Amino acid sequence: MDENKKTDAFYEKLKAQLYDTALWPTQYLFKFIVETEGTAVKDIEGLFDNMGAVIKTKESSKGKYTSVSIHVVMKKPEYVIIKYKEVTENIKGVISL
């Protein structure tokens, strides 16, 4: 299976799970991990700008990585998936949780 089909299957499964576990619109929590050095944290924050998101960051104990937690109201699961894809396509080395 090529990587795109694998990714598409993952997002289809995620969409189904999101529909099954929440009433939409809902408050959604995005979590990402990026390297602290560089602009990744600010870049992620920029992707959620003007959405009313509450963003919290926390550095790892050694300061090499930063976790970024974003609480934001999302209208439907498709928008959650669009936002995950936007982050992974625009932020190098990001880990989505």
Protein backbone atom coordinates (compact mmCIF):
# COMPACT_ATOMS: atom_id res chain seq x y z
CA MET A 1 0.00 0.00 0.00
CA ASP A 2 1.46 3.35 -0.94
CA GLU A 3 1.82 6.13 1.63
CA ASN A 4 -1.07 8.26 0.29
CA LYS A 5 -3.55 5.37 0.47
CA LYS A 6 -2.32 4.57 3.96
CA THR A 7 -2.77 8.21 4.98
CA ASP A 8 -6.20 8.40 3.34
CA ALA A 9 -7.29 5.26 5.18
CA PHE A 10 -6.05 6.72 8.46
CA TYR A 11 -8.00 9.94 7.97
CA GLU A 12 -11.18 8.09 6.91
CA LYS A 13 -10.98 6.01 10.08
CA LEU A 14 -10.35 9.14 12.16
CA LYS A 15 -13.35 10.90 10.58
CA ALA A 16 -15.63 7.96 11.43
CA GLN A 17 -14.34 7.90 15.02
CA LEU A 18 -14.86 11.64 15.40
CA TYR A 19 -18.46 11.36 14.19
CA ASP A 20 -19.05 8.47 16.61
CA THR A 21 -17.59 10.14 19.69
CA ALA A 22 -18.77 13.76 19.64
CA LEU A 23 -21.68 16.01 18.81
CA TRP A 24 -20.64 18.61 16.27
CA PRO A 25 -19.68 21.43 16.47
CA THR A 26 -17.46 20.60 19.43
CA GLN A 27 -14.43 21.77 21.37
CA TYR A 28 -11.50 19.78 19.93
CA LEU A 29 -8.00 19.31 21.31
CA PHE A 30 -5.13 19.19 18.83
CA LYS A 31 -1.75 18.09 20.20
CA PHE A 32 1.55 18.38 18.40
CA ILE A 33 5.21 17.93 19.28
CA VAL A 34 7.93 19.92 17.53
CA GLU A 35 11.56 20.77 18.09
CA THR A 36 11.85 23.81 20.34
CA GLU A 37 14.58 25.41 18.25
CA GLY A 38 13.30 27.09 15.12
CA THR A 39 9.95 28.58 14.17
CA ALA A 40 7.69 25.50 14.31
CA VAL A 41 5.80 26.58 17.45
CA LYS A 42 5.06 30.03 16.02
CA ASP A 43 4.19 28.49 12.66
CA ILE A 44 1.62 26.17 14.27
CA GLU A 45 0.17 29.06 16.25
CA GLY A 46 -0.17 31.00 12.99
CA LEU A 47 -2.19 28.18 11.40
CA PHE A 48 -4.76 28.51 14.20
CA ASP A 49 -4.79 32.32 14.22
CA ASN A 50 -8.22 33.99 14.15
CA MET A 51 -10.02 30.77 15.12
CA GLY A 52 -10.53 31.59 18.79
CA ALA A 53 -8.06 28.88 19.75
CA VAL A 54 -6.55 28.58 23.20
CA ILE A 55 -2.94 27.49 22.71
CA LYS A 56 -0.65 26.17 25.44
CA THR A 57 2.96 25.13 25.03
CA LYS A 58 5.25 23.13 27.27
CA GLU A 59 8.93 22.39 26.76
CA SER A 60 10.35 18.95 27.46
CA SER A 61 12.55 18.52 30.51
CA LYS A 62 15.72 18.96 28.44
CA GLY A 63 14.19 21.73 26.32
CA LYS A 64 14.73 19.99 22.98
CA TYR A 65 11.03 19.53 22.19
CA THR A 66 7.87 21.52 22.80
CA SER A 67 4.36 20.16 23.02
CA VAL A 68 1.64 22.41 21.61
CA SER A 69 -1.95 21.88 22.83
CA ILE A 70 -4.69 23.71 20.99
CA HIS A 71 -8.30 23.88 22.16
CA VAL A 72 -10.60 25.17 19.42
CA VAL A 73 -14.22 24.78 18.38
CA MET A 74 -14.46 22.79 15.17
CA LYS A 75 -17.68 22.60 13.14
CA LYS A 76 -17.31 19.05 11.86
CA PRO A 77 -14.77 16.20 11.61
CA GLU A 78 -13.80 17.09 8.04
CA TYR A 79 -12.46 20.42 9.30
CA VAL A 80 -10.38 18.62 11.95
CA ILE A 81 -8.80 16.50 9.24
CA ILE A 82 -8.19 19.52 7.01
CA LYS A 83 -6.39 21.23 9.89
CA TYR A 84 -4.25 18.14 10.67
CA LYS A 85 -3.24 17.94 7.00
CA GLU A 86 -2.48 21.67 6.91
CA VAL A 87 -0.17 21.37 9.92
CA THR A 88 1.65 18.25 8.70
CA GLU A 89 2.11 19.70 5.21
CA ASN A 90 3.43 23.06 6.43
CA ILE A 91 5.46 22.24 9.56
CA LYS A 92 8.61 20.17 9.05
CA GLY A 93 9.15 17.39 11.58
CA VAL A 94 5.85 17.84 13.43
CA ILE A 95 4.42 14.87 15.33
CA SER A 96 0.62 14.80 15.62
CA LEU A 97 -0.87 13.11 18.66
